[in-house]
């Protein structure tokens, strides 16, 4: 019964996403439509799409499992996205909308010209996107093979083919609407789960907490002590918060709205919707351990990644299990599609259209370049994901998030707010932030295990300052500044504030 329902609901979700793609394909006729949905999404639409990017499978599956097995330590993973949303609203939303065109490299080009600057930003975006995409594809293969009983390779190939169809035909229009539908389904499902879990305890939250505490051999309401544990949790919060705020596929969302006002509105919607989703996770996690017990959770998956599905079946039967599983699948499809469109923008628009073709490509050529780039990125990601079946997904995700926090955050803050920042400082900042992030993750416990040379799983406490150090040193010693640099900075600030046309291509 469960298998039939699961297959049926999965098929309905796939049919819905393909229907959206076919509808969007009729509108995907220009480079602007393909890369940024024509810049015509409203605030509520983009707000839902941002939630679709933020609330990934890790949030609805992994974080719930962490609450069930580790307790309040999981709040550090929940607090991060809240911090990210506030940072995006306060610092980046309106300036990025007013400065950008198709990609984050366009934002940088509003102040600095030159091929090296655009190439560095594009390559950085590609690396972060590919690492994050591979993590999502590996997770998709494991999840779908478990839920549907299909081979891991088949599962990865199916997701890869679907995401290629979405981007090649529908571009950012299809990606955005798939994100919107997925976010709406997710909010509804999370709300239903919370209500059903609380109903088992007569809607008494304190009784739920007491039952969870009694059912767990681990104290779910105490944060682990010790200097290393404290620093690690702080580093996790910084990495998840700043890294999520600086992921390229999240930042490019602000280029899909028509004005800075709509960018702010979209963030207001995202704060409310994502806030509800993340606040709900402890109720589901504690409800799972109270209703199922720790042994049942770890028997299905040692890391607790299937906890949400288990509690859905316990409180809602096979139908709710099938629906939650399908929503998790839709989450993977939506996030991966967003990653592909962002990566294709860096490859096709920045490296091909601007660097190689020197901005002489026609609009039609840019659309086709984006489609070809999407196909190339998808094929590369699928091949690597098939080879990375037994790779720790957390490591791949950590590299993407830590690199985004360590390279993108320092560069963007200095770009927008530091007058003496130079193109050399940008190159140094990206290089030192990216290099230190990857090196320290490799030397850390996620790769080396206990006794690793570097003790923190998320090295953001070290790599973010190094990214800022690179920006400062490069700006101070990388070359003299002139009057043109000051005037360009003032023009960029004016454009960031009121949306004047960029003075650089």
Protein backbone atom coordinates (compact mmCIF):
# COMPACT_ATOMS: atom_id res chain seq x y z
CA UNK A 1 0.00 0.00 0.00
CA UNK A 2 2.75 2.44 1.00
CA UNK A 3 4.74 1.70 -2.19
CA UNK A 4 1.73 2.29 -4.45
CA UNK A 5 0.88 5.57 -2.76
CA UNK A 6 4.50 6.73 -2.82
CA UNK A 7 4.91 5.97 -6.53
CA UNK A 8 1.58 7.69 -7.30
CA UNK A 9 2.37 10.88 -5.40
CA UNK A 10 5.91 10.99 -6.84
CA UNK A 11 4.44 10.70 -10.33
CA UNK A 12 2.00 13.54 -9.63
CA UNK A 13 4.82 15.79 -8.40
CA UNK A 14 6.94 15.07 -11.50
CA UNK A 15 3.93 15.70 -13.76
CA UNK A 16 3.28 19.00 -11.99
CA UNK A 17 6.87 20.20 -12.40
CA UNK A 18 6.99 19.20 -16.06
CA UNK A 19 3.69 21.01 -16.63
CA UNK A 20 5.18 24.16 -15.08
CA UNK A 21 8.25 23.78 -17.30
CA UNK A 22 6.19 23.47 -20.50
CA UNK A 23 4.20 26.56 -19.54
CA UNK A 24 7.38 28.49 -18.74
CA UNK A 25 9.06 27.40 -22.01
CA UNK A 26 6.71 29.66 -23.98
CA UNK A 27 8.00 32.65 -22.00
CA UNK A 28 11.67 31.66 -22.02
CA UNK A 29 12.54 33.50 -25.21
CA UNK A 30 15.26 35.97 -24.15
CA UNK A 31 18.46 35.92 -22.13
CA UNK A 32 16.82 38.03 -19.43
CA UNK A 33 13.93 35.56 -19.14
CA UNK A 34 16.31 32.60 -19.12
CA UNK A 35 18.71 33.86 -16.44
CA UNK A 36 16.54 36.05 -14.17
CA UNK A 37 12.90 35.39 -15.16
CA UNK A 38 12.77 38.74 -16.94
CA UNK A 39 13.23 40.50 -13.59
CA UNK A 40 9.44 40.48 -13.22
CA UNK A 41 8.72 38.32 -10.17
CA UNK A 42 6.65 40.06 -7.50
CA UNK A 43 7.74 40.28 -3.89
CA UNK A 44 5.56 37.41 -2.66
CA UNK A 45 6.56 35.20 -5.59
CA UNK A 46 10.28 35.76 -5.02
CA UNK A 47 9.76 35.37 -1.27
CA UNK A 48 8.32 31.90 -1.78
CA UNK A 49 11.15 31.09 -4.24
CA UNK A 50 13.77 32.21 -1.69
CA UNK A 51 12.19 29.89 0.87
CA UNK A 52 12.40 27.17 -1.76
CA UNK A 53 16.16 27.76 -1.91
CA UNK A 54 16.65 28.10 1.85
CA UNK A 55 14.53 25.22 3.15
CA UNK A 56 16.37 22.31 1.56
CA UNK A 57 16.11 18.59 2.13
CA UNK A 58 18.69 18.96 4.89
CA UNK A 59 16.31 21.24 6.76
CA UNK A 60 13.19 19.09 6.54
CA UNK A 61 15.01 15.79 7.03
CA UNK A 62 18.42 16.35 8.61
CA UNK A 63 17.56 19.06 11.13
CA UNK A 64 14.52 17.19 12.42
CA UNK A 65 16.72 14.15 12.95
CA UNK A 66 19.26 16.27 14.83
CA UNK A 67 16.59 17.51 17.22
CA UNK A 68 15.46 13.92 17.80
CA UNK A 69 18.97 12.60 18.47
CA UNK A 70 21.00 15.56 19.77
CA UNK A 71 18.44 18.02 21.10
CA UNK A 72 19.03 21.73 21.48
CA UNK A 73 22.39 21.63 19.66
CA UNK A 74 20.33 21.55 16.47
CA UNK A 75 19.21 25.13 17.18
CA UNK A 76 22.61 26.29 15.93
CA UNK A 77 21.68 24.86 12.52
CA UNK A 78 18.24 26.47 12.67
CA UNK A 79 19.54 29.86 13.84
CA UNK A 80 21.92 30.10 10.89
CA UNK A 81 19.27 30.53 8.19
CA UNK A 82 17.50 33.18 10.31
CA UNK A 83 20.78 35.09 10.53
CA UNK A 84 21.23 34.66 6.78
CA UNK A 85 17.79 36.08 6.01
CA UNK A 86 18.36 39.10 8.23
CA UNK A 87 21.77 39.72 6.63
CA UNK A 88 20.25 39.48 3.16
CA UNK A 89 17.45 41.89 4.08
CA UNK A 90 19.66 44.43 5.85
CA UNK A 91 22.75 44.47 3.65
CA UNK A 92 22.38 42.81 0.27
CA UNK A 93 18.80 42.67 -1.04
CA UNK A 94 18.36 46.15 -2.53
CA UNK A 95 21.99 46.88 -3.56
CA UNK A 96 22.35 43.56 -5.37
CA UNK A 97 19.06 44.09 -7.21
CA UNK A 98 20.13 47.57 -8.35
CA UNK A 99 23.68 46.59 -9.30
CA UNK A 100 23.20 43.20 -10.97
CA UNK A 101 21.98 42.03 -14.33
CA UNK A 102 22.21 38.24 -14.72
CA UNK A 103 24.94 37.05 -12.33
CA UNK A 104 26.98 38.05 -9.27
CA UNK A 105 29.92 38.84 -11.55
CA UNK A 106 27.72 41.58 -13.06
CA UNK A 107 27.39 43.05 -9.57
CA UNK A 108 31.17 43.16 -9.18
CA UNK A 109 31.53 44.65 -12.67
CA UNK A 110 29.45 47.65 -11.55
CA UNK A 111 32.60 48.79 -9.72
CA UNK A 112 35.54 46.88 -11.19
CA UNK A 113 36.18 46.13 -14.84
CA UNK A 114 38.64 43.65 -16.24
CA UNK A 115 38.57 40.01 -17.26
CA UNK A 116 40.44 38.74 -14.19
CA UNK A 117 37.81 40.10 -11.77
CA UNK A 118 34.85 38.66 -13.66
CA UNK A 119 36.62 35.35 -14.22
CA UNK A 120 37.48 35.00 -10.53
CA UNK A 121 33.91 35.68 -9.46
CA UNK A 122 32.49 33.33 -12.09
CA UNK A 123 34.87 30.48 -11.20
CA UNK A 124 34.13 30.96 -7.51
CA UNK A 125 30.39 30.76 -8.21
CA UNK A 126 30.88 27.64 -10.32
CA UNK A 127 32.91 25.86 -7.62
CA UNK A 128 30.41 26.63 -4.86
CA UNK A 129 27.49 25.66 -7.07
CA UNK A 130 29.00 22.36 -8.22
CA UNK A 131 30.00 21.29 -4.69
CA UNK A 132 26.52 22.07 -3.38
CA UNK A 133 24.86 20.41 -6.36
CA UNK A 134 26.82 17.19 -5.95
CA UNK A 135 25.83 17.06 -2.27
CA UNK A 136 22.17 17.46 -3.27
CA UNK A 137 22.39 14.81 -6.00
CA UNK A 138 24.06 12.26 -3.72
CA UNK A 139 21.40 12.90 -1.07
CA UNK A 140 18.72 12.57 -3.77
CA UNK A 141 20.08 9.23 -4.93
CA UNK A 142 20.19 7.82 -1.40
CA UNK A 143 16.71 9.12 -0.51
CA UNK A 144 14.95 8.01 -3.68
CA UNK A 145 16.63 4.61 -3.75
CA UNK A 146 15.37 4.07 -0.18
CA UNK A 147 11.84 5.34 -0.82
CA UNK A 148 11.20 3.72 -4.19
CA UNK A 149 13.59 0.79 -4.05
CA UNK A 150 15.39 1.80 -7.25
CA UNK A 151 19.11 1.68 -7.96
CA UNK A 152 21.15 4.67 -6.71
CA UNK A 153 22.49 5.39 -10.18
CA UNK A 154 19.01 5.36 -11.69
CA UNK A 155 17.79 7.76 -9.00
CA UNK A 156 20.63 10.24 -9.64
CA UNK A 157 20.11 10.00 -13.41
CA UNK A 158 16.37 10.68 -13.07
CA UNK A 159 16.96 13.80 -10.98
CA UNK A 160 19.69 14.92 -13.39
CA UNK A 161 17.50 14.47 -16.46
CA UNK A 162 14.59 16.32 -14.86
CA UNK A 163 16.72 19.28 -13.79
CA UNK A 164 18.22 19.50 -17.29
CA UNK A 165 14.73 19.60 -18.80
CA UNK A 166 13.62 22.32 -16.38
CA UNK A 167 16.56 24.62 -17.12
CA UNK A 168 16.94 23.94 -20.86
CA UNK A 169 13.27 24.55 -21.61
CA UNK A 170 11.98 26.80 -18.86
CA UNK A 171 15.05 28.62 -17.55
CA UNK A 172 14.66 30.76 -14.44
CA UNK A 173 10.91 31.15 -15.04
CA UNK A 174 10.36 27.41 -14.61
CA UNK A 175 12.87 27.20 -11.76
CA UNK A 176 11.18 30.02 -9.86
CA UNK A 177 7.67 28.61 -10.16
CA UNK A 178 8.82 25.13 -9.20
CA UNK A 179 10.39 26.73 -6.11
CA UNK A 180 7.17 28.61 -5.36
CA UNK A 181 4.98 25.50 -5.60
CA UNK A 182 7.47 23.43 -3.62
CA UNK A 183 7.67 26.05 -0.85
CA UNK A 184 3.89 26.24 -0.57
CA UNK A 185 3.60 22.44 -0.36
CA UNK A 186 6.37 22.32 2.22
CA UNK A 187 4.77 24.95 4.48
CA UNK A 188 1.43 23.13 4.37
CA UNK A 189 3.01 19.73 5.09
CA UNK A 190 5.11 21.06 7.96
CA UNK A 191 2.02 22.69 9.47
CA UNK A 192 0.02 19.46 9.20
CA UNK A 193 2.84 17.47 10.80
CA UNK A 194 3.12 19.86 13.74
CA UNK A 195 -0.64 19.77 14.34
CA UNK A 196 -0.78 15.97 14.19
CA UNK A 197 2.23 15.58 16.50
CA UNK A 198 0.86 18.03 19.07
CA UNK A 199 -2.54 16.32 18.89
CA UNK A 200 -0.92 13.16 20.26
CA UNK A 201 -0.08 15.15 23.42
CA UNK A 202 -3.37 17.06 23.67
CA UNK A 203 -1.60 20.15 22.30
CA UNK A 204 0.40 20.41 25.51
CA UNK A 205 3.92 21.48 24.49
CA UNK A 206 5.36 20.84 27.94
CA UNK A 207 3.99 17.30 27.89
CA UNK A 208 5.62 16.76 24.49
CA UNK A 209 8.98 17.93 25.88
CA UNK A 210 8.65 15.71 28.97
CA UNK A 211 7.80 12.67 26.83
CA UNK A 212 10.78 13.36 24.52
CA UNK A 213 13.13 13.69 27.50
CA UNK A 214 11.87 10.45 29.04
CA UNK A 215 12.23 8.52 25.78
CA UNK A 216 15.81 9.60 25.06
CA UNK A 217 18.95 8.32 26.80
CA UNK A 218 20.60 11.61 25.83
CA UNK A 219 19.70 14.86 27.56
CA UNK A 220 18.00 16.70 24.73
CA UNK A 221 17.93 20.04 26.54
CA UNK A 222 21.61 20.54 27.39
CA UNK A 223 24.25 21.95 25.04
CA UNK A 224 27.54 19.96 25.11
CA UNK A 225 30.20 21.67 27.24
CA UNK A 226 33.87 22.28 26.58
CA UNK A 227 35.79 24.93 24.64
CA UNK A 228 36.07 22.89 21.44
CA UNK A 229 32.36 22.03 21.39
CA UNK A 230 31.42 25.65 22.01
CA UNK A 231 33.72 26.97 19.30
CA UNK A 232 32.52 24.28 16.91
CA UNK A 233 28.86 25.20 17.46
CA UNK A 234 29.66 28.91 17.05
CA UNK A 235 31.55 28.15 13.86
CA UNK A 236 28.62 26.09 12.60
CA UNK A 237 26.22 28.97 13.25
CA UNK A 238 28.54 31.40 11.44
CA UNK A 239 29.07 29.01 8.55
CA UNK A 240 25.41 28.18 8.07
CA UNK A 241 24.31 31.78 8.56
CA UNK A 242 26.86 33.71 6.52
CA UNK A 243 27.46 30.87 4.06
CA UNK A 244 23.79 30.42 3.25
CA UNK A 245 23.40 34.17 2.81
CA UNK A 246 26.25 34.18 0.29
CA UNK A 247 25.39 31.11 -1.80
CA UNK A 248 25.29 32.22 -5.45
CA UNK A 249 21.90 30.63 -6.20
CA UNK A 250 20.40 32.55 -3.25
CA UNK A 251 22.01 35.91 -4.12
CA UNK A 252 20.91 35.74 -7.75
CA UNK A 253 17.30 35.63 -6.53
CA UNK A 254 17.40 39.41 -6.06
CA UNK A 255 17.95 39.89 -9.78
CA UNK A 256 14.55 38.35 -10.57
CA UNK A 257 12.45 41.25 -9.19
CA UNK A 258 11.78 44.60 -10.93
CA UNK A 259 12.94 46.96 -8.16
CA UNK A 260 14.73 47.30 -4.85
CA UNK A 261 11.36 47.74 -3.15
CA UNK A 262 10.22 44.34 -4.41
CA UNK A 263 13.54 42.85 -3.27
CA UNK A 264 12.83 44.03 0.29
CA UNK A 265 9.25 42.75 0.09
CA UNK A 266 10.46 39.36 -1.04
CA UNK A 267 12.74 39.16 2.00
CA UNK A 268 9.84 40.04 4.32
CA UNK A 269 7.83 37.17 2.86
CA UNK A 270 10.83 34.86 3.14
CA UNK A 271 11.42 35.74 6.81
CA UNK A 272 7.85 34.87 7.76
CA UNK A 273 7.59 31.67 5.72
CA UNK A 274 11.05 30.29 6.50
CA UNK A 275 10.62 31.29 10.14
CA UNK A 276 7.53 29.14 10.41
CA UNK A 277 9.25 26.18 8.74
CA UNK A 278 12.33 26.33 10.96
CA UNK A 279 10.41 26.94 14.21
CA UNK A 280 8.34 23.84 13.44
CA UNK A 281 11.35 21.49 13.21
CA UNK A 282 11.92 21.02 16.98
CA UNK A 283 8.28 20.06 17.50
CA UNK A 284 8.57 17.37 14.83
CA UNK A 285 11.96 16.18 16.09
CA UNK A 286 10.97 15.95 19.74
CA UNK A 287 7.66 14.40 18.71
CA UNK A 288 9.53 11.75 16.76
CA UNK A 289 11.67 10.61 19.70
CA UNK A 290 8.67 10.72 22.03
CA UNK A 291 6.47 8.64 19.72
CA UNK A 292 9.03 6.31 18.12
CA UNK A 293 11.98 6.13 20.50
CA UNK A 294 15.65 6.70 19.71
CA UNK A 295 16.32 3.08 18.73
CA UNK A 296 13.64 3.06 16.02
CA UNK A 297 15.02 6.30 14.57
CA UNK A 298 18.65 5.15 14.43
CA UNK A 299 17.64 1.71 13.12
CA UNK A 300 16.26 3.37 9.98
CA UNK A 301 19.23 5.74 9.61
CA UNK A 302 22.07 6.30 12.07
CA UNK A 303 22.13 10.04 11.38
CA UNK A 304 18.36 10.40 11.72
CA UNK A 305 17.84 11.61 8.14
CA UNK A 306 14.62 9.62 7.80
CA UNK A 307 13.04 10.89 11.03
CA UNK A 308 10.56 13.20 9.32
CA UNK A 309 9.29 10.38 7.14
CA UNK A 310 9.03 8.03 10.11
CA UNK A 311 7.00 10.44 12.21
CA UNK A 312 4.81 11.29 9.20
CA UNK A 313 3.87 7.63 8.85
CA UNK A 314 3.34 7.30 12.60
CA UNK A 315 0.88 10.20 12.86
CA UNK A 316 -0.62 10.26 9.35
CA UNK A 317 -0.27 6.77 7.91
CA UNK A 318 0.98 5.76 4.44
CA UNK A 319 -0.69 8.70 2.68
CA UNK A 320 1.11 11.38 4.72
CA UNK A 321 4.34 9.39 4.37
CA UNK A 322 3.96 9.42 0.59
CA UNK A 323 3.15 13.14 0.51
CA UNK A 324 6.11 14.12 2.72
CA UNK A 325 8.42 11.90 0.66
CA UNK A 326 7.21 13.52 -2.55
CA UNK A 327 7.68 17.00 -1.09
CA UNK A 328 11.24 16.04 -0.10
CA UNK A 329 11.78 14.92 -3.70
CA UNK A 330 10.34 18.20 -4.99
CA UNK A 331 12.69 20.04 -2.63
CA UNK A 332 15.68 18.31 -4.17
CA UNK A 333 14.47 19.05 -7.70
CA UNK A 334 13.86 22.71 -6.91
CA UNK A 335 17.20 23.31 -5.16
CA UNK A 336 19.18 21.49 -7.86
CA UNK A 337 17.39 23.41 -10.61
CA UNK A 338 18.30 26.69 -8.90
CA UNK A 339 21.92 25.59 -8.68
CA UNK A 340 22.07 24.62 -12.35
CA UNK A 341 20.65 27.93 -13.59
CA UNK A 342 23.14 29.84 -11.42
CA UNK A 343 26.07 27.74 -12.61
CA UNK A 344 25.00 28.07 -16.23
CA UNK A 345 24.86 31.85 -15.82
CA UNK A 346 28.45 31.92 -14.59
CA UNK A 347 29.61 29.63 -17.40
CA UNK A 348 27.53 30.92 -20.31
CA UNK A 349 27.04 34.60 -19.50
CA UNK A 350 30.26 35.49 -17.66
CA UNK A 351 32.89 33.20 -19.14
CA UNK A 352 31.45 32.72 -22.63
CA UNK A 353 29.32 35.78 -23.30
CA UNK A 354 31.47 38.49 -21.69
CA UNK A 355 35.00 37.05 -21.51
CA UNK A 356 35.15 34.96 -24.69
CA UNK A 357 32.64 36.76 -26.93
CA UNK A 358 33.43 40.21 -25.45
CA UNK A 359 29.70 41.00 -24.93
CA UNK A 360 29.01 40.69 -28.67
CA UNK A 361 26.76 37.61 -28.44
CA UNK A 362 23.18 38.13 -29.60
CA UNK A 363 20.28 37.57 -27.26
CA UNK A 364 19.39 34.30 -29.00
CA UNK A 365 23.01 33.13 -28.78
CA UNK A 366 23.06 33.86 -25.04
CA UNK A 367 19.94 31.76 -24.49
CA UNK A 368 21.42 28.83 -26.39
CA UNK A 369 24.71 29.21 -24.56
CA UNK A 370 22.80 29.03 -21.29
CA UNK A 371 21.04 25.85 -22.36
CA UNK A 372 24.27 24.20 -23.48
CA UNK A 373 25.97 25.27 -20.24
CA UNK A 374 23.10 23.78 -18.23
CA UNK A 375 23.54 20.48 -20.04
CA UNK A 376 27.30 20.47 -19.47
CA UNK A 377 26.98 21.27 -15.75
CA UNK A 378 24.26 18.66 -15.29
CA UNK A 379 26.30 15.93 -17.00
CA UNK A 380 29.43 16.75 -14.98
CA UNK A 381 27.48 16.82 -11.71
CA UNK A 382 25.72 13.52 -12.49
CA UNK A 383 28.99 11.76 -13.35
CA UNK A 384 30.71 12.99 -10.19
CA UNK A 385 27.66 12.11 -8.08
CA UNK A 386 27.62 8.56 -9.42
CA UNK A 387 31.27 8.19 -8.42
CA UNK A 388 30.66 9.83 -5.03
CA UNK A 389 28.00 7.36 -3.87
CA UNK A 390 29.83 6.58 -0.63
CA UNK A 391 31.19 10.08 -0.08
CA UNK A 392 30.14 11.94 3.05
CA UNK A 393 27.49 14.38 1.81
CA UNK A 394 28.12 16.64 4.80
CA UNK A 395 31.68 17.26 3.60
CA UNK A 396 30.53 18.41 0.15
CA UNK A 397 27.84 20.64 1.63
CA UNK A 398 30.27 22.04 4.20
CA UNK A 399 32.80 22.98 1.52
CA UNK A 400 30.14 24.86 -0.45
CA UNK A 401 28.77 26.75 2.54
CA UNK A 402 32.18 27.53 4.08
CA UNK A 403 33.60 28.75 0.75
CA UNK A 404 30.57 30.98 0.23
CA UNK A 405 30.97 32.45 3.72
CA UNK A 406 34.75 32.86 3.48
CA UNK A 407 35.08 34.20 -0.07
CA UNK A 408 31.78 35.86 -0.99
CA UNK A 409 30.86 37.62 2.27
CA UNK A 410 34.15 39.56 2.67
CA UNK A 411 34.21 40.48 -1.02
CA UNK A 412 30.59 41.68 -1.14
CA UNK A 413 30.85 43.72 2.07
CA UNK A 414 34.08 45.38 0.95
CA UNK A 415 32.68 45.94 -2.55
CA UNK A 416 29.57 47.72 -1.26
CA UNK A 417 30.93 49.65 1.71
CA UNK A 418 34.74 50.14 1.59
CA UNK A 419 35.97 53.04 -0.53
CA UNK A 420 39.61 51.86 -0.63
CA UNK A 421 38.74 48.35 -1.82
CA UNK A 422 40.42 47.46 -5.13
CA UNK A 423 40.18 44.78 -7.78
CA UNK A 424 43.43 43.29 -6.44
CA UNK A 425 41.84 43.11 -2.99
CA UNK A 426 38.90 41.24 -4.50
CA UNK A 427 41.17 38.68 -6.13
CA UNK A 428 43.19 38.23 -2.94
CA UNK A 429 40.02 37.94 -0.86
CA UNK A 430 38.48 35.28 -3.07
CA UNK A 431 41.75 33.36 -3.32
CA UNK A 432 42.59 33.37 0.39
CA UNK A 433 39.00 32.81 1.54
CA UNK A 434 38.35 29.98 -0.91
CA UNK A 435 41.73 28.30 -0.45
CA UNK A 436 41.69 28.39 3.36
CA UNK A 437 38.10 27.14 3.50
CA UNK A 438 38.76 24.09 1.33
CA UNK A 439 42.09 23.30 3.03
CA UNK A 440 40.69 23.54 6.57
CA UNK A 441 37.65 21.39 5.74
CA UNK A 442 40.01 18.74 4.37
CA UNK A 443 42.17 18.96 7.52
CA UNK A 444 39.13 18.95 9.80
CA UNK A 445 37.21 16.13 11.52
CA UNK A 446 34.68 15.72 8.69
CA UNK A 447 37.46 14.31 6.51
CA UNK A 448 40.19 13.24 8.94
CA UNK A 449 37.92 11.97 11.73
CA UNK A 450 38.71 12.22 15.46
CA UNK A 451 42.13 13.69 16.19
CA UNK A 452 42.13 15.77 12.99
CA UNK A 453 44.90 18.40 12.67
CA UNK A 454 42.24 21.14 12.59
CA UNK A 455 39.57 20.64 15.29
CA UNK A 456 36.55 22.49 13.83
CA UNK A 457 34.17 20.82 11.37
CA UNK A 458 33.15 24.25 10.01
CA UNK A 459 36.33 26.38 9.87
CA UNK A 460 34.50 29.68 9.39
CA UNK A 461 35.93 31.18 12.61
CA UNK A 462 39.30 31.11 10.83
CA UNK A 463 38.54 31.21 7.11
CA UNK A 464 36.19 34.24 7.19
CA UNK A 465 38.81 36.48 8.88
CA UNK A 466 41.34 35.19 6.34
CA UNK A 467 38.98 36.22 3.53
CA UNK A 468 38.77 39.73 4.98
CA UNK A 469 42.54 39.75 5.46
CA UNK A 470 43.00 38.95 1.78
CA UNK A 471 40.68 41.81 0.81
CA UNK A 472 42.61 44.26 3.01
CA UNK A 473 46.12 43.15 2.06
CA UNK A 474 45.34 42.98 -1.64
CA UNK A 475 43.82 46.47 -1.56
CA UNK A 476 46.75 47.97 0.35
CA UNK A 477 49.66 46.36 -1.49
CA UNK A 478 48.15 45.24 -4.80
CA UNK A 479 48.39 48.56 -6.62
CA UNK A 480 47.81 52.29 -6.33
CA UNK A 481 44.33 53.77 -6.45
CA UNK A 482 43.43 56.79 -8.54
CA UNK A 483 40.67 59.38 -8.79
CA UNK A 484 38.78 57.13 -11.17
CA UNK A 485 38.50 54.51 -8.41
CA UNK A 486 36.84 57.00 -6.06
CA UNK A 487 34.45 58.27 -8.71
CA UNK A 488 33.54 54.72 -9.70
CA UNK A 489 32.85 53.88 -6.05
CA UNK A 490 30.54 56.89 -5.75
CA UNK A 491 28.73 55.94 -8.96
CA UNK A 492 28.31 52.39 -7.71
CA UNK A 493 26.87 53.62 -4.40
CA UNK A 494 24.41 55.84 -6.23
CA UNK A 495 23.39 52.97 -8.48
CA UNK A 496 23.01 50.65 -5.47
CA UNK A 497 20.74 53.20 -3.81
CA UNK A 498 18.49 54.31 -6.66
CA UNK A 499 19.09 51.77 -9.43
CA UNK A 500 20.85 53.95 -11.97
CA UNK A 501 22.07 52.07 -15.08
CA UNK A 502 25.53 50.61 -14.57
CA UNK A 503 28.42 52.53 -16.08
CA UNK A 504 30.27 49.31 -16.87
CA UNK A 505 29.03 46.40 -19.02
